[in-house]
N, C-alpha and C. Protein backbone atom coordinates (compact mmCIF):
# COMPACT_ATOMS: atom_id res chain seq x y z
N MET A 1 -23.32 8.39 50.66
CA MET A 1 -22.08 8.09 50.24
C MET A 1 -21.03 8.39 51.14
N ARG A 2 -21.48 8.71 52.29
CA ARG A 2 -20.80 8.86 53.87
C ARG A 2 -20.38 7.65 54.40
N THR A 3 -18.87 7.58 54.61
CA THR A 3 -18.50 6.10 55.11
C THR A 3 -18.71 6.37 56.64
N LYS A 4 -19.47 4.93 57.04
CA LYS A 4 -19.66 4.63 58.26
C LYS A 4 -18.71 3.67 58.90
N ILE A 5 -18.39 3.52 60.19
CA ILE A 5 -17.69 2.21 60.48
C ILE A 5 -18.59 1.50 61.51
N PHE A 6 -18.75 0.18 61.48
CA PHE A 6 -19.44 -0.64 61.97
C PHE A 6 -18.83 -1.62 62.83
N ALA A 7 -19.22 -2.36 63.96
CA ALA A 7 -18.21 -2.98 64.55
C ALA A 7 -18.66 -4.62 65.10
N PRO A 8 -19.47 -5.26 63.91
CA PRO A 8 -20.16 -6.55 64.32
C PRO A 8 -19.09 -7.63 64.09
N VAL A 9 -17.86 -7.22 63.29
CA VAL A 9 -17.13 -8.38 63.27
C VAL A 9 -16.29 -8.52 64.61
N ALA A 10 -15.83 -7.37 65.38
CA ALA A 10 -15.26 -7.44 66.61
C ALA A 10 -16.07 -8.32 67.48
N VAL A 11 -17.55 -8.15 67.56
CA VAL A 11 -18.37 -8.84 68.35
C VAL A 11 -18.37 -10.39 68.21
N ALA A 12 -18.45 -10.50 66.78
CA ALA A 12 -18.36 -12.02 66.47
C ALA A 12 -17.20 -12.75 66.58
N THR A 13 -15.96 -11.91 66.67
CA THR A 13 -14.73 -12.66 66.73
C THR A 13 -14.48 -12.94 68.44
N ALA A 14 -15.00 -11.81 69.38
CA ALA A 14 -15.11 -12.24 70.78
C ALA A 14 -15.67 -13.65 70.98
N CYS A 15 -17.15 -13.74 70.28
CA CYS A 15 -18.02 -14.96 70.72
C CYS A 15 -17.45 -16.02 70.45
N ILE A 16 -16.52 -16.18 69.33
CA ILE A 16 -15.50 -17.39 68.78
C ILE A 16 -14.61 -17.82 69.83
N LEU A 17 -14.15 -16.62 70.52
CA LEU A 17 -12.98 -16.83 71.25
C LEU A 17 -13.36 -17.42 72.93
N THR A 18 -14.76 -17.24 72.97
CA THR A 18 -15.10 -17.98 74.29
C THR A 18 -15.06 -19.51 74.27
N LEU A 19 -14.63 -20.21 73.23
CA LEU A 19 -14.40 -21.57 73.16
C LEU A 19 -15.84 -22.17 73.06
N GLY A 20 -17.11 -21.34 73.05
CA GLY A 20 -18.44 -21.84 72.90
C GLY A 20 -19.21 -20.98 72.31
N ALA A 21 -20.51 -21.09 71.93
CA ALA A 21 -21.52 -20.41 71.44
C ALA A 21 -21.72 -19.31 72.55
N CYS A 22 -21.88 -17.91 71.90
CA CYS A 22 -22.41 -16.75 72.81
C CYS A 22 -23.30 -17.10 73.77
N GLY A 23 -24.45 -17.93 73.23
CA GLY A 23 -25.61 -18.03 74.22
C GLY A 23 -25.53 -19.35 74.87
N GLY A 24 -24.56 -19.94 75.16
CA GLY A 24 -24.24 -21.27 76.03
C GLY A 24 -23.12 -21.26 76.95
N ASP A 25 -22.97 -22.03 77.86
CA ASP A 25 -22.36 -21.88 79.11
C ASP A 25 -21.16 -22.90 78.78
N PRO A 26 -19.92 -22.26 78.66
CA PRO A 26 -18.61 -23.24 78.39
C PRO A 26 -18.63 -24.46 79.22
N ALA A 27 -18.62 -24.38 80.39
CA ALA A 27 -18.68 -25.37 81.41
C ALA A 27 -19.68 -26.65 81.35
N ASP A 28 -20.80 -26.19 80.84
CA ASP A 28 -21.71 -27.11 80.62
C ASP A 28 -21.36 -28.35 79.43
N GLU A 29 -20.66 -27.46 78.56
CA GLU A 29 -20.38 -28.28 77.09
C GLU A 29 -19.09 -28.90 77.43
N ALA A 30 -17.89 -28.47 77.98
CA ALA A 30 -16.50 -28.93 78.09
C ALA A 30 -16.52 -29.41 79.37
N GLY A 31 -17.42 -29.51 80.42
CA GLY A 31 -17.27 -30.46 81.44
C GLY A 31 -16.36 -29.99 82.77
N GLY A 32 -15.80 -28.59 82.41
CA GLY A 32 -14.78 -27.93 83.39
C GLY A 32 -15.36 -26.69 83.70
N ALA A 33 -14.31 -25.57 84.40
CA ALA A 33 -14.54 -24.36 84.68
C ALA A 33 -14.78 -23.69 83.18
N PRO A 34 -15.80 -22.68 83.63
CA PRO A 34 -16.06 -21.69 82.56
C PRO A 34 -14.95 -21.38 81.89
N ALA A 35 -14.77 -20.91 80.73
CA ALA A 35 -13.49 -20.30 80.17
C ALA A 35 -13.72 -18.50 80.31
N THR A 36 -12.76 -18.16 80.24
CA THR A 36 -13.07 -16.48 80.53
C THR A 36 -13.14 -15.81 79.01
N SER A 37 -14.34 -15.12 79.00
CA SER A 37 -14.43 -14.57 77.53
C SER A 37 -13.37 -13.38 77.21
N ALA A 38 -12.96 -13.57 75.85
CA ALA A 38 -11.72 -12.66 75.57
C ALA A 38 -12.35 -11.39 75.17
N PRO A 39 -11.72 -10.49 75.39
CA PRO A 39 -12.19 -8.96 75.11
C PRO A 39 -12.52 -8.60 73.39
N PRO A 40 -13.41 -7.79 73.44
CA PRO A 40 -13.39 -7.68 72.10
C PRO A 40 -12.24 -7.17 71.04
N MET A 41 -12.09 -7.49 70.01
CA MET A 41 -10.64 -7.27 69.37
C MET A 41 -10.75 -6.01 68.63
N ALA A 42 -10.01 -5.12 68.94
CA ALA A 42 -10.15 -3.50 68.30
C ALA A 42 -9.98 -3.60 66.70
N THR A 43 -10.47 -2.82 65.85
CA THR A 43 -10.39 -2.59 64.61
C THR A 43 -9.21 -1.79 64.37
N SER A 44 -8.49 -1.85 63.28
CA SER A 44 -7.07 -1.14 63.17
C SER A 44 -7.47 -0.36 62.08
N ALA A 45 -8.73 -0.14 61.56
CA ALA A 45 -9.16 0.56 60.69
C ALA A 45 -9.36 2.19 61.04
N PRO A 46 -9.00 3.44 60.49
CA PRO A 46 -9.03 4.63 61.03
C PRO A 46 -10.45 4.99 60.94
N ALA A 47 -10.66 5.67 61.83
CA ALA A 47 -12.36 6.36 61.82
C ALA A 47 -12.26 7.38 60.71
N MET A 48 -13.36 7.21 60.12
CA MET A 48 -13.36 8.05 58.62
C MET A 48 -14.62 9.25 59.08
N MET A 49 -14.19 10.43 58.68
CA MET A 49 -15.01 11.50 58.81
C MET A 49 -16.42 11.17 58.46
N ASP A 50 -17.56 11.58 58.75
CA ASP A 50 -18.74 11.62 58.13
C ASP A 50 -19.45 12.79 58.16
N GLY A 51 -19.47 13.58 57.07
CA GLY A 51 -20.06 14.94 57.05
C GLY A 51 -19.26 16.09 56.73
N GLU A 52 -19.90 17.07 56.37
CA GLU A 52 -19.05 18.25 55.68
C GLU A 52 -18.40 18.91 57.04
N PHE A 53 -17.42 19.70 56.82
CA PHE A 53 -16.63 20.51 57.92
C PHE A 53 -16.18 21.99 57.27
N GLY A 54 -15.94 22.81 57.98
CA GLY A 54 -15.44 24.06 57.84
C GLY A 54 -16.40 25.27 57.87
N PRO A 55 -16.05 26.44 58.32
CA PRO A 55 -16.65 27.71 58.39
C PRO A 55 -17.48 27.80 57.12
N GLY A 56 -16.83 27.69 56.01
CA GLY A 56 -17.88 28.18 54.74
C GLY A 56 -18.99 27.22 54.36
N CYS A 57 -19.16 26.36 55.28
CA CYS A 57 -20.14 25.39 55.23
C CYS A 57 -21.53 25.86 55.60
N ALA A 58 -21.42 27.30 56.23
CA ALA A 58 -22.40 27.89 56.93
C ALA A 58 -23.27 28.74 55.63
N ALA A 59 -22.64 28.97 54.68
CA ALA A 59 -23.17 29.84 53.49
C ALA A 59 -24.08 28.71 52.56
N VAL A 60 -24.02 27.42 52.82
CA VAL A 60 -24.66 26.56 52.14
C VAL A 60 -26.18 26.37 52.48
N PRO A 61 -27.09 26.52 51.66
CA PRO A 61 -28.45 26.41 51.99
C PRO A 61 -28.68 25.35 52.83
N THR A 62 -29.61 25.29 53.64
CA THR A 62 -29.84 24.05 54.61
C THR A 62 -31.22 23.40 54.35
N ASP A 63 -32.10 24.09 53.69
CA ASP A 63 -33.31 23.53 53.16
C ASP A 63 -33.04 22.42 52.00
N ALA A 64 -33.69 21.17 52.61
CA ALA A 64 -33.07 20.12 51.69
C ALA A 64 -33.68 20.30 50.14
N SER A 65 -34.88 20.88 50.29
CA SER A 65 -35.52 21.31 48.87
C SER A 65 -34.76 22.28 47.90
N ASN A 66 -33.68 22.87 48.46
CA ASN A 66 -32.77 23.87 47.55
C ASN A 66 -31.98 23.34 46.84
N PRO A 67 -31.96 23.57 45.82
CA PRO A 67 -30.50 22.55 44.80
C PRO A 67 -29.44 22.74 45.27
N GLY A 68 -28.97 23.83 46.26
CA GLY A 68 -27.60 24.20 46.56
C GLY A 68 -27.27 23.49 47.96
N SER A 69 -28.38 22.80 48.47
CA SER A 69 -28.05 22.09 49.82
C SER A 69 -27.27 20.93 49.67
N PHE A 70 -26.49 20.63 50.64
CA PHE A 70 -26.08 19.44 50.83
C PHE A 70 -26.50 18.18 50.28
N GLU A 71 -27.67 17.88 50.80
CA GLU A 71 -28.86 16.84 50.69
C GLU A 71 -29.09 16.77 49.09
N ALA A 72 -29.29 17.82 48.50
CA ALA A 72 -29.61 17.98 47.06
C ALA A 72 -28.38 17.76 46.04
N MET A 73 -27.18 18.22 46.57
CA MET A 73 -26.10 18.01 45.73
C MET A 73 -25.56 16.37 46.01
N ALA A 74 -25.74 15.83 46.63
CA ALA A 74 -25.42 14.38 47.10
C ALA A 74 -26.30 13.52 46.06
N LYS A 75 -27.23 14.01 45.45
CA LYS A 75 -28.36 13.32 44.49
C LYS A 75 -27.60 13.50 42.75
N VAL A 76 -26.97 14.54 42.66
CA VAL A 76 -26.51 14.86 41.32
C VAL A 76 -25.21 14.87 40.90
N PRO A 77 -24.69 14.65 39.64
CA PRO A 77 -23.32 14.96 39.42
C PRO A 77 -22.83 16.14 39.74
N VAL A 78 -21.57 16.29 39.85
CA VAL A 78 -20.72 17.48 40.53
C VAL A 78 -20.87 18.71 39.77
N ALA A 79 -21.15 18.60 38.53
CA ALA A 79 -21.18 19.96 37.77
C ALA A 79 -22.63 20.53 38.04
N THR A 80 -23.43 19.65 37.98
CA THR A 80 -24.93 19.98 38.19
C THR A 80 -25.14 20.50 39.62
N ALA A 81 -24.54 19.96 40.58
CA ALA A 81 -24.47 20.15 41.82
C ALA A 81 -23.67 21.32 42.39
N ALA A 82 -22.92 21.86 41.34
CA ALA A 82 -22.47 23.26 41.72
C ALA A 82 -23.07 24.42 41.40
N SER A 83 -24.11 23.85 40.09
CA SER A 83 -24.86 24.69 39.55
C SER A 83 -26.05 25.46 40.36
N GLY A 84 -26.36 24.51 41.25
CA GLY A 84 -27.06 25.10 42.44
C GLY A 84 -26.82 25.59 43.73
N ASN A 85 -25.29 25.83 43.90
CA ASN A 85 -25.06 26.48 45.12
C ASN A 85 -24.61 27.76 44.74
N PRO A 86 -25.14 28.36 45.75
CA PRO A 86 -24.84 30.17 45.19
C PRO A 86 -23.45 30.57 45.92
N VAL A 87 -22.78 29.88 46.01
CA VAL A 87 -21.31 30.50 46.63
C VAL A 87 -20.45 29.99 45.48
N LEU A 88 -20.66 29.03 44.36
CA LEU A 88 -19.96 28.64 43.48
C LEU A 88 -20.53 29.21 42.00
N SER A 89 -21.11 30.02 42.04
CA SER A 89 -21.68 30.72 40.56
C SER A 89 -20.82 31.03 39.66
N THR A 90 -19.53 31.77 40.13
CA THR A 90 -18.47 31.79 39.19
C THR A 90 -17.85 30.84 38.71
N LEU A 91 -17.72 29.76 39.47
CA LEU A 91 -17.06 28.55 39.06
C LEU A 91 -17.90 27.84 37.97
N VAL A 92 -19.16 28.03 38.15
CA VAL A 92 -20.09 27.33 37.34
C VAL A 92 -20.13 28.02 36.06
N SER A 93 -20.07 29.48 35.95
CA SER A 93 -19.93 30.21 34.91
C SER A 93 -18.73 29.65 33.97
N ALA A 94 -17.59 29.35 34.87
CA ALA A 94 -16.16 29.22 34.18
C ALA A 94 -16.28 27.61 33.51
N VAL A 95 -16.85 26.78 34.13
CA VAL A 95 -17.18 25.69 33.75
C VAL A 95 -17.87 25.51 32.30
N LYS A 96 -18.74 26.15 32.38
CA LYS A 96 -19.42 26.30 31.27
C LYS A 96 -18.86 26.75 29.82
N GLU A 97 -18.16 28.13 30.35
CA GLU A 97 -17.40 28.78 29.03
C GLU A 97 -16.24 27.77 28.83
N ALA A 98 -15.74 26.87 29.52
CA ALA A 98 -14.71 25.94 29.27
C ALA A 98 -15.39 24.62 28.64
N ASP A 99 -16.61 24.35 28.38
CA ASP A 99 -17.29 23.30 27.68
C ASP A 99 -16.97 21.93 28.81
N LEU A 100 -16.92 22.07 29.74
CA LEU A 100 -16.37 21.14 30.77
C LEU A 100 -17.69 20.50 31.79
N VAL A 101 -18.80 20.97 31.33
CA VAL A 101 -19.97 20.31 32.27
C VAL A 101 -20.13 18.99 32.25
N ASP A 102 -20.39 18.54 30.69
CA ASP A 102 -20.40 17.03 30.25
C ASP A 102 -19.56 16.31 30.97
N SER A 103 -18.16 16.63 30.69
CA SER A 103 -17.00 15.89 31.04
C SER A 103 -16.93 15.67 32.67
N LEU A 104 -17.35 16.97 33.54
CA LEU A 104 -17.44 16.50 35.02
C LEU A 104 -18.40 15.93 35.41
N ASN A 105 -19.66 16.17 34.76
CA ASN A 105 -20.88 15.22 35.22
C ASN A 105 -20.59 13.84 34.92
N SER A 106 -19.92 13.32 33.96
CA SER A 106 -19.66 11.71 33.60
C SER A 106 -18.51 11.38 34.04
N ALA A 107 -17.60 12.07 34.91
CA ALA A 107 -16.56 11.30 35.22
C ALA A 107 -16.90 10.33 36.51
N ASP A 108 -16.03 9.51 36.45
CA ASP A 108 -16.47 8.28 37.45
C ASP A 108 -15.53 8.40 38.56
N GLY A 109 -15.98 9.01 39.56
CA GLY A 109 -15.16 9.04 41.00
C GLY A 109 -14.05 10.15 40.72
N VAL A 110 -14.28 11.51 41.39
CA VAL A 110 -13.07 12.50 41.37
C VAL A 110 -13.42 13.30 42.42
N THR A 111 -12.16 14.05 42.67
CA THR A 111 -12.24 14.94 43.88
C THR A 111 -11.97 16.20 43.19
N VAL A 112 -12.80 17.03 43.88
CA VAL A 112 -12.81 18.68 43.15
C VAL A 112 -12.46 19.50 44.02
N PHE A 113 -11.58 20.58 43.70
CA PHE A 113 -11.28 21.64 44.84
C PHE A 113 -11.84 22.90 44.00
N ALA A 114 -12.84 23.17 44.60
CA ALA A 114 -13.98 24.21 44.07
C ALA A 114 -13.74 25.40 44.60
N PRO A 115 -13.13 26.54 43.71
CA PRO A 115 -13.06 27.66 44.33
C PRO A 115 -14.24 28.49 44.27
N THR A 116 -14.27 29.36 45.32
CA THR A 116 -15.90 30.03 45.93
C THR A 116 -15.58 31.21 44.97
N ASN A 117 -16.92 31.63 45.16
CA ASN A 117 -16.77 33.18 44.52
C ASN A 117 -15.80 34.24 44.78
N ASP A 118 -15.91 34.32 46.35
CA ASP A 118 -14.50 34.80 46.87
C ASP A 118 -12.99 34.60 46.48
N ALA A 119 -12.85 33.38 46.08
CA ALA A 119 -11.61 32.95 45.75
C ALA A 119 -11.30 33.61 44.14
N PHE A 120 -12.48 33.56 43.28
CA PHE A 120 -12.59 34.37 41.98
C PHE A 120 -12.15 35.75 42.39
N ALA A 121 -12.66 36.47 43.24
CA ALA A 121 -12.60 37.87 43.55
C ALA A 121 -11.33 38.21 43.80
N LYS A 122 -10.56 37.36 44.29
CA LYS A 122 -8.97 37.72 44.46
C LYS A 122 -8.30 38.11 43.23
N ILE A 123 -8.69 37.55 42.13
CA ILE A 123 -7.79 37.81 41.09
C ILE A 123 -8.39 38.96 40.42
N PRO A 124 -7.38 39.71 39.94
CA PRO A 124 -7.46 41.05 39.09
C PRO A 124 -8.32 41.12 38.25
N GLU A 125 -9.27 41.74 37.83
CA GLU A 125 -10.67 41.70 37.09
C GLU A 125 -9.91 41.57 35.39
N ALA A 126 -9.12 42.27 35.31
CA ALA A 126 -8.35 42.20 33.88
C ALA A 126 -7.81 40.79 33.51
N ASP A 127 -7.28 39.92 34.58
CA ASP A 127 -6.42 39.05 34.69
C ASP A 127 -7.66 37.83 34.51
N LEU A 128 -8.65 38.09 35.26
CA LEU A 128 -9.85 37.13 35.16
C LEU A 128 -10.29 37.03 34.05
N ASN A 129 -10.60 38.14 33.27
CA ASN A 129 -11.38 38.36 31.87
C ASN A 129 -10.61 37.60 30.97
N LYS A 130 -8.95 37.81 31.03
CA LYS A 130 -8.12 37.38 30.12
C LYS A 130 -8.40 35.87 30.05
N VAL A 131 -8.36 35.21 31.35
CA VAL A 131 -8.31 33.62 31.43
C VAL A 131 -9.73 33.33 30.71
N MET A 132 -10.66 33.93 31.37
CA MET A 132 -12.20 33.42 30.83
C MET A 132 -12.34 33.85 29.38
N ALA A 133 -11.66 34.45 28.69
CA ALA A 133 -11.85 34.67 27.34
C ALA A 133 -10.88 33.45 26.35
N ASP A 134 -9.82 32.86 27.27
CA ASP A 134 -9.13 32.03 26.45
C ASP A 134 -9.52 30.58 26.62
N LYS A 135 -10.47 29.90 25.99
CA LYS A 135 -11.03 28.57 26.40
C LYS A 135 -10.07 27.62 26.94
N LYS A 136 -8.88 27.59 26.00
CA LYS A 136 -7.83 26.33 26.31
C LYS A 136 -7.24 26.81 27.71
N MET A 137 -6.83 28.13 27.99
CA MET A 137 -6.19 28.27 29.20
C MET A 137 -7.19 27.88 30.52
N LEU A 138 -8.42 28.36 30.08
CA LEU A 138 -9.25 28.10 31.13
C LEU A 138 -9.50 26.86 31.56
N ALA A 139 -9.75 26.03 30.62
CA ALA A 139 -9.96 24.42 30.79
C ALA A 139 -8.74 23.82 31.34
N GLY A 140 -7.44 24.50 31.25
CA GLY A 140 -6.12 23.91 31.94
C GLY A 140 -6.31 24.39 33.57
N VAL A 141 -6.84 25.72 33.59
CA VAL A 141 -6.88 26.05 34.94
C VAL A 141 -7.87 25.02 35.74
N LEU A 142 -9.08 25.06 35.29
CA LEU A 142 -10.03 24.06 35.99
C LEU A 142 -9.98 22.73 36.32
N THR A 143 -9.22 22.07 34.84
CA THR A 143 -9.02 20.82 35.32
C THR A 143 -7.96 20.62 36.42
N TYR A 144 -7.03 21.74 36.66
CA TYR A 144 -5.98 21.52 37.73
C TYR A 144 -6.55 21.33 38.87
N HIS A 145 -7.82 21.66 39.13
CA HIS A 145 -8.52 21.64 40.36
C HIS A 145 -9.21 20.13 40.45
N VAL A 146 -9.03 19.09 39.58
CA VAL A 146 -9.61 17.76 39.67
C VAL A 146 -8.68 16.95 39.78
N VAL A 147 -8.93 15.77 40.66
CA VAL A 147 -7.96 14.64 40.97
C VAL A 147 -8.98 13.44 40.77
N SER A 148 -8.18 12.32 40.36
CA SER A 148 -8.84 11.20 40.19
C SER A 148 -9.14 10.37 41.54
N GLY A 149 -10.46 9.96 41.77
CA GLY A 149 -10.64 9.25 42.93
C GLY A 149 -11.23 10.33 43.86
N LYS A 150 -12.29 9.42 44.77
CA LYS A 150 -13.02 10.20 45.63
C LYS A 150 -12.41 10.19 47.06
N LEU A 151 -11.61 11.37 47.50
CA LEU A 151 -10.52 11.30 48.35
C LEU A 151 -11.32 11.83 49.93
N ALA A 152 -11.34 10.88 50.78
CA ALA A 152 -12.08 11.51 52.08
C ALA A 152 -11.00 12.22 52.79
N PRO A 153 -11.36 12.87 53.97
CA PRO A 153 -10.40 13.90 54.63
C PRO A 153 -9.31 13.23 54.90
N ALA A 154 -9.42 11.73 55.54
CA ALA A 154 -8.03 10.88 55.87
C ALA A 154 -7.18 10.73 54.76
N GLN A 155 -7.83 10.76 53.47
CA GLN A 155 -6.62 10.57 52.62
C GLN A 155 -6.20 11.94 51.79
N LEU A 156 -6.53 13.04 52.17
CA LEU A 156 -6.61 14.27 51.35
C LEU A 156 -5.04 14.70 51.25
N ALA A 157 -4.45 14.56 52.46
CA ALA A 157 -3.07 15.21 52.59
C ALA A 157 -1.82 14.11 51.52
N GLY A 158 -1.18 14.89 50.92
CA GLY A 158 -0.15 14.26 50.01
C GLY A 158 -0.21 14.93 48.68
N SER A 159 0.48 14.44 47.70
CA SER A 159 0.50 14.79 46.53
C SER A 159 -0.42 14.07 45.34
N HIS A 160 -1.25 14.88 44.53
CA HIS A 160 -2.09 14.15 43.66
C HIS A 160 -2.00 14.75 42.33
N LYS A 161 -1.91 13.88 41.52
CA LYS A 161 -2.16 14.43 39.97
C LYS A 161 -3.51 14.71 39.44
N THR A 162 -3.47 15.59 38.90
CA THR A 162 -4.52 16.46 38.40
C THR A 162 -4.99 15.91 36.86
N LEU A 163 -6.18 16.09 36.56
CA LEU A 163 -6.58 15.87 34.99
C LEU A 163 -5.85 16.86 34.59
N GLN A 164 -5.53 17.99 34.74
CA GLN A 164 -4.55 18.79 33.73
C GLN A 164 -3.41 18.31 33.54
N GLY A 165 -2.82 17.10 34.35
CA GLY A 165 -1.61 16.85 34.11
C GLY A 165 -0.56 16.80 35.21
N GLY A 166 -0.72 18.07 35.81
CA GLY A 166 0.20 18.53 36.85
C GLY A 166 -0.15 17.78 37.99
N THR A 167 0.53 18.29 39.30
CA THR A 167 0.47 17.83 40.55
C THR A 167 0.24 18.88 41.74
N VAL A 168 -0.89 18.78 42.30
CA VAL A 168 -1.32 19.47 43.46
C VAL A 168 -1.10 18.89 44.93
N THR A 169 -0.38 19.60 45.73
CA THR A 169 -0.07 18.98 47.06
C THR A 169 -0.89 19.64 48.12
N VAL A 170 -1.47 18.70 49.04
CA VAL A 170 -2.46 19.21 50.10
C VAL A 170 -1.69 18.67 51.39
N THR A 171 -1.68 19.82 52.38
CA THR A 171 -1.41 19.57 53.52
C THR A 171 -2.20 19.88 54.58
N GLY A 172 -1.92 18.97 55.85
CA GLY A 172 -3.01 19.56 57.02
C GLY A 172 -3.53 17.94 57.57
N SER A 173 -4.45 18.03 58.15
CA SER A 173 -5.16 16.91 58.84
C SER A 173 -6.49 17.27 59.71
N GLY A 174 -7.26 16.36 59.88
CA GLY A 174 -8.58 16.69 60.80
C GLY A 174 -9.56 17.47 59.91
N THR A 175 -9.76 18.73 60.08
CA THR A 175 -10.51 19.63 59.14
C THR A 175 -9.73 21.04 58.75
N ASP A 176 -8.32 20.86 58.92
CA ASP A 176 -7.61 21.93 58.60
C ASP A 176 -6.76 21.68 57.41
N PHE A 177 -6.93 22.10 56.28
CA PHE A 177 -6.16 21.64 55.13
C PHE A 177 -5.67 22.87 54.20
N LYS A 178 -4.71 22.71 53.67
CA LYS A 178 -4.21 23.66 52.68
C LYS A 178 -4.06 23.03 51.15
N VAL A 179 -4.42 23.74 50.15
CA VAL A 179 -4.17 23.25 48.80
C VAL A 179 -3.44 23.87 48.11
N GLY A 180 -2.23 23.46 48.03
CA GLY A 180 -1.07 24.15 47.12
C GLY A 180 -0.44 25.41 48.03
N PRO A 181 0.21 26.38 47.83
CA PRO A 181 0.67 27.24 48.85
C PRO A 181 -0.42 28.09 49.38
N GLU A 182 -1.26 28.42 48.85
CA GLU A 182 -2.21 29.41 49.39
C GLU A 182 -3.60 29.00 49.71
N ALA A 183 -4.27 28.26 49.00
CA ALA A 183 -5.91 27.79 49.24
C ALA A 183 -5.95 27.11 50.53
N THR A 184 -6.86 27.59 51.28
CA THR A 184 -7.55 27.00 52.35
C THR A 184 -8.91 26.41 52.13
N VAL A 185 -9.05 25.21 52.59
CA VAL A 185 -10.38 24.45 52.57
C VAL A 185 -11.38 25.16 53.32
N VAL A 186 -12.49 25.82 53.00
CA VAL A 186 -13.38 26.37 53.78
C VAL A 186 -14.55 25.73 53.91
N CYS A 187 -15.02 24.54 53.43
CA CYS A 187 -15.98 23.50 53.23
C CYS A 187 -15.67 22.44 52.62
N GLY A 188 -15.41 21.48 53.46
CA GLY A 188 -15.02 20.08 52.75
C GLY A 188 -15.74 18.93 52.96
N ASN A 189 -15.51 17.97 52.21
CA ASN A 189 -16.07 16.52 52.31
C ASN A 189 -17.78 16.75 51.89
N VAL A 190 -17.90 17.40 51.01
CA VAL A 190 -19.16 17.66 50.21
C VAL A 190 -19.48 16.63 48.89
N GLN A 191 -20.39 15.66 49.42
CA GLN A 191 -20.52 14.70 48.66
C GLN A 191 -21.52 14.97 47.42
N THR A 192 -21.23 14.42 46.33
CA THR A 192 -22.23 14.73 44.88
C THR A 192 -22.20 13.30 44.42
N ALA A 193 -23.18 13.17 43.32
CA ALA A 193 -23.24 11.72 42.85
C ALA A 193 -22.03 11.01 42.52
N ASN A 194 -21.24 11.80 41.93
CA ASN A 194 -19.96 11.35 41.47
C ASN A 194 -18.36 11.91 41.97
N ALA A 195 -18.90 12.73 42.98
CA ALA A 195 -17.41 13.04 43.61
C ALA A 195 -17.52 13.79 44.75
N VAL A 196 -16.33 13.97 45.62
CA VAL A 196 -16.55 14.69 46.68
C VAL A 196 -15.61 16.00 46.23
N VAL A 197 -16.05 17.12 47.17
CA VAL A 197 -15.76 18.49 46.89
C VAL A 197 -15.21 19.12 47.94
N TYR A 198 -14.20 19.94 47.69
CA TYR A 198 -13.85 20.74 48.77
C TYR A 198 -13.50 22.09 48.27
N LEU A 199 -14.64 22.94 48.89
CA LEU A 199 -14.33 24.29 48.63
C LEU A 199 -13.07 25.17 49.06
N VAL A 200 -12.47 25.86 48.18
CA VAL A 200 -11.49 26.56 48.66
C VAL A 200 -11.52 28.07 48.31
N ASP A 201 -10.58 28.85 49.08
CA ASP A 201 -10.74 30.39 49.25
C ASP A 201 -9.95 30.88 48.02
N SER A 202 -9.10 30.29 47.46
CA SER A 202 -8.25 30.45 46.43
C SER A 202 -8.10 29.91 45.07
N VAL A 203 -7.93 30.58 43.83
CA VAL A 203 -7.94 29.73 42.46
C VAL A 203 -6.63 29.23 42.62
N LEU A 204 -6.71 27.73 42.32
CA LEU A 204 -5.22 27.08 42.19
C LEU A 204 -4.72 27.21 40.69
N MET A 205 -3.62 27.88 40.63
CA MET A 205 -2.91 28.17 39.14
C MET A 205 -1.90 27.02 39.01
N PRO A 206 -1.96 26.35 37.66
CA PRO A 206 -1.08 25.45 37.42
C PRO A 206 0.40 25.95 37.25
N PRO A 207 1.28 25.18 37.50
CA PRO A 207 2.87 25.49 37.48
C PRO A 207 3.02 25.83 35.66
N SER A 208 3.69 27.01 35.52
CA SER A 208 3.96 27.50 34.30
C SER A 208 4.95 26.55 33.59
């Protein structure tokens, strides 16, 4: 599911602009001096990042047979993928508590800002327990972390409407992004069967 850019179009265009076939001699066919080959035309499409990035990616298992590895996550839908990742166990518990597993797994192309265990640990225990005990509030917080469409890193910066209904703003570029006023992407561009995931170090709270 990772995007790669190829350049056969530029090569074919250069061949056409030589006024003859790539394998022939224009002088033989036109009866004059050989035509000068035009340089390959540069593509205007921006290069797309291929692969995960960020210091938090080091905590993800590297064994492809591990359900939490990038290779394994890419083969299953997002809620199932998160369940195998050891750094997302608190998020997985919250998703189950809010009855969102099926909704996330059946979503047709989404971007998920996934708070790590450390992100949830920043919340005072009493406050976290209160949210976890209120299914409606919990569902609102979790769906605020999900936006429609699979956003590549080059598309990430900007304001995006969340499934909760509010808007989340991402700033930055390259491999350095902030989501909302506090959260930093610590491992980005993680692919699952139906989503792209950006692990963040703080829980996003919907505007009141």
